[in-house]
Protein backbone atom coordinates (compact mmCIF):
# COMPACT_ATOMS: atom_id res chain seq x y z
CA UNK A 1 -117.38 74.37 66.47
CA UNK A 2 -116.29 74.62 62.01
CA UNK A 3 -119.38 74.30 59.29
CA UNK A 4 -119.04 73.06 56.23
CA UNK A 5 -121.79 75.36 54.62
CA UNK A 6 -124.47 77.40 55.04
CA UNK A 7 -127.47 76.60 57.32
CA UNK A 8 -129.60 78.13 54.64
CA UNK A 9 -129.22 75.43 52.22
CA UNK A 10 -129.87 72.67 54.70
CA UNK A 11 -132.07 69.92 53.45
CA UNK A 12 -132.66 71.25 49.94
CA UNK A 13 -131.75 67.88 48.12
CA UNK A 14 -134.83 66.24 50.05
CA UNK A 15 -136.98 68.88 48.40
CA UNK A 16 -135.42 68.42 44.43
CA UNK A 17 -135.92 64.56 45.05
CA UNK A 18 -138.92 63.09 43.08
CA UNK A 19 -140.94 61.75 45.41
CA UNK A 20 -141.36 57.41 44.04
CA UNK A 21 -144.90 55.78 44.78
CA UNK A 22 -143.94 53.07 47.74
CA UNK A 23 -143.94 49.48 46.65
CA UNK A 24 -146.49 46.86 48.02
CA UNK A 25 -145.38 45.25 50.30
CA UNK A 26 -145.03 40.79 48.63
CA UNK A 27 -145.75 38.46 51.80
CA UNK A 28 -142.46 36.47 52.32
CA UNK A 29 -142.19 33.27 50.46
CA UNK A 30 -143.36 30.52 52.78
CA UNK A 31 -140.65 28.85 53.73
CA UNK A 32 -138.51 31.55 54.87
CA UNK A 33 -142.21 32.74 56.76
CA UNK A 34 -141.81 29.31 59.07
CA UNK A 35 -138.38 29.35 59.29
CA UNK A 36 -138.84 33.15 61.47
CA UNK A 37 -141.75 31.37 62.81
CA UNK A 38 -139.42 28.69 63.91
CA UNK A 39 -137.17 31.24 65.31
CA UNK A 40 -139.28 33.39 67.02
CA UNK A 41 -140.75 30.31 68.72
CA UNK A 42 -138.12 27.60 69.49
CA UNK A 43 -135.11 30.08 69.58
CA UNK A 44 -135.60 32.88 71.45
CA UNK A 45 -138.82 31.02 73.39
CA UNK A 46 -141.55 33.70 72.36
CA UNK A 47 -145.28 33.54 71.93
CA UNK A 48 -146.54 33.54 68.78
CA UNK A 49 -150.07 35.50 68.64
CA UNK A 50 -152.45 34.09 65.72
């Protein structure tokens, strides 16, 4: 098996990349949320836990 580069250099990019703060999760647009609930309920025939 041929290796492409040194194993000692593995992961160097991740350690140098600056850590970015997490973005806040926004709730989906109401129309899209209703559409996904419809898909779960009718198309996939799943029970929704509320």
